[in-house]
C-alpha atoms as a PDB file:
ATOM      1  CA  MET A   1       0.000   0.000   0.000  1.00  0.00           C
ATOM      2  CA  ASN A   2       3.047   2.280  -0.136  1.00  0.00           C
ATOM      3  CA  ASP A   3       2.133   3.732  -3.526  1.00  0.00           C
ATOM      4  CA  LEU A   4      -1.427   4.302  -2.353  1.00  0.00           C
ATOM      5  CA  ASP A   5      -0.167   5.981   0.825  1.00  0.00           C
ATOM      6  CA  ALA A   6       2.033   8.284  -1.235  1.00  0.00           C
ATOM      7  CA  ARG A   7      -0.876   9.190  -3.513  1.00  0.00           C
ATOM      8  CA  MET A   8      -3.089   9.865  -0.475  1.00  0.00           C
ATOM      9  CA  CYS A   9      -0.457  12.137   1.059  1.00  0.00           C
ATOM     10  CA  ALA A  10      -0.069  14.026  -2.216  1.00  0.00           C
ATOM     11  CA  ALA A  11      -3.842  14.450  -2.540  1.00  0.00           C
ATOM     12  CA  HIS A  12      -4.072  15.719   1.055  1.00  0.00           C
ATOM     13  CA  GLU A  13      -1.249  18.196   0.434  1.00  0.00           C
ATOM     14  CA  ALA A  14      -2.923  19.397  -2.766  1.00  0.00           C
ATOM     15  CA  GLY A  15      -6.360  19.613  -1.141  1.00  0.00           C
ATOM     16  CA  ASP A  16      -7.720  17.411  -3.938  1.00  0.00           C
ATOM     17  CA  GLY A  17     -11.031  16.235  -2.510  1.00  0.00           C
ATOM     18  CA  ALA A  18     -12.049  14.267  -5.601  1.00  0.00           C
ATOM     19  CA  ALA A  19      -8.814  12.303  -5.539  1.00  0.00           C
ATOM     20  CA  LEU A  20      -9.185  11.654  -1.811  1.00  0.00           C
ATOM     21  CA  ILE A  21     -12.637  10.143  -2.331  1.00  0.00           C
ATOM     22  CA  ALA A  22     -11.266   7.830  -4.996  1.00  0.00           C
ATOM     23  CA  LEU A  23      -8.127   6.926  -3.051  1.00  0.00           C
ATOM     24  CA  TYR A  24      -9.905   6.148   0.209  1.00  0.00           C
ATOM     25  CA  THR A  25     -12.424   4.075  -1.729  1.00  0.00           C
ATOM     26  CA  GLU A  26      -9.550   2.230  -3.405  1.00  0.00           C
ATOM     27  CA  ALA A  27      -7.966   1.597   0.002  1.00  0.00           C
ATOM     28  CA  ALA A  28     -11.268   0.179   1.263  1.00  0.00           C
ATOM     29  CA  LEU A  29     -11.323  -2.308  -1.596  1.00  0.00           C
ATOM     30  CA  ILE A  30      -7.959  -3.763  -0.587  1.00  0.00           C
ATOM     31  CA  ALA A  31      -8.302  -3.398   3.184  1.00  0.00           C
ATOM     32  CA  ALA A  32      -7.219  -6.427   5.197  1.00  0.00           C
ATOM     33  CA  SER A  33     -10.141  -6.269   7.647  1.00  0.00           C
ATOM     34  CA  ASP A  34     -13.676  -4.951   8.008  1.00  0.00           C
ATOM     35  CA  THR A  35     -12.395  -2.452  10.566  1.00  0.00           C
ATOM     36  CA  ALA A  36      -9.898  -1.031   8.091  1.00  0.00           C
ATOM     37  CA  ARG A  37     -12.511  -1.095   5.323  1.00  0.00           C
ATOM     38  CA  GLY A  38     -14.905   0.870   7.499  1.00  0.00           C
ATOM     39  CA  PHE A  39     -12.170   3.369   8.364  1.00  0.00           C
ATOM     40  CA  TYR A  40     -11.348   4.044   4.719  1.00  0.00           C
ATOM     41  CA  LEU A  41     -14.978   4.173   3.615  1.00  0.00           C
ATOM     42  CA  THR A  42     -15.746   6.635   6.408  1.00  0.00           C
ATOM     43  CA  HIS A  43     -12.966   8.918   5.206  1.00  0.00           C
ATOM     44  CA  ALA A  44     -14.143   8.643   1.620  1.00  0.00           C
ATOM     45  CA  PHE A  45     -17.689   9.419   2.767  1.00  0.00           C
ATOM     46  CA  VAL A  46     -16.635  12.497   4.758  1.00  0.00           C
ATOM     47  CA  HIS A  47     -14.637  13.855   1.812  1.00  0.00           C
ATOM     48  CA  ALA A  48     -17.592  13.203  -0.501  1.00  0.00           C
ATOM     49  CA  LEU A  49     -19.935  15.052   1.855  1.00  0.00           C
ATOM     50  CA  GLU A  50     -17.539  17.987   2.104  1.00  0.00           C
ATOM     51  CA  ALA A  51     -17.284  18.166  -1.686  1.00  0.00           C
ATOM     52  CA  GLY A  52     -20.995  17.687  -2.331  1.00  0.00           C
ATOM     53  CA  ASP A  53     -19.969  14.699  -4.432  1.00  0.00           C
ATOM     54  CA  ALA A  54     -22.663  12.294  -5.649  1.00  0.00           C
ATOM     55  CA  ARG A  55     -20.526   9.326  -4.541  1.00  0.00           C
ATOM     56  CA  ALA A  56     -21.578  10.136  -0.963  1.00  0.00           C
ATOM     57  CA  ASN A  57     -24.851   8.252  -1.516  1.00  0.00           C
ATOM     58  CA  ASP A  58     -23.117   5.014  -2.518  1.00  0.00           C
ATOM     59  CA  LEU A  59     -20.535   5.332   0.238  1.00  0.00           C
ATOM     60  CA  ARG A  60     -23.269   5.877   2.799  1.00  0.00           C
ATOM     61  CA  ALA A  61     -25.075   2.785   1.539  1.00  0.00           C
ATOM     62  CA  GLU A  62     -21.897   0.709   1.884  1.00  0.00           C
ATOM     63  CA  LEU A  63     -21.311   1.972   5.411  1.00  0.00           C
ATOM     64  CA  HIS A  64     -24.943   1.286   6.289  1.00  0.00           C
ATOM     65  CA  ALA A  65     -24.672  -2.267   4.955  1.00  0.00           C
ATOM     66  CA  MET A  66     -21.642  -2.735   7.212  1.00  0.00           C
ATOM     67  CA  GLY A  67     -23.615  -1.484  10.207  1.00  0.00           C
ATOM     68  CA  ARG A  68     -21.422   1.615  10.498  1.00  0.00           C
ATOM     69  CA  ILE A  69     -24.213   4.152  10.048  1.00  0.00           C
END
């Protein structure tokens, strides 16, 4: 996940909300546990909400299905 971490750091530094949504979602797909998956999806969801991004609806649904919301 080193490359993904580097891309996340770069997106945070650039303030690129759209990239952060995509990167946290990508991290959730390869997460080693449900706890990690929930963590990454929550971050993607928060960034989507902040950006008014339509992906927030799907992320919320995934978190709800996991019992996180």
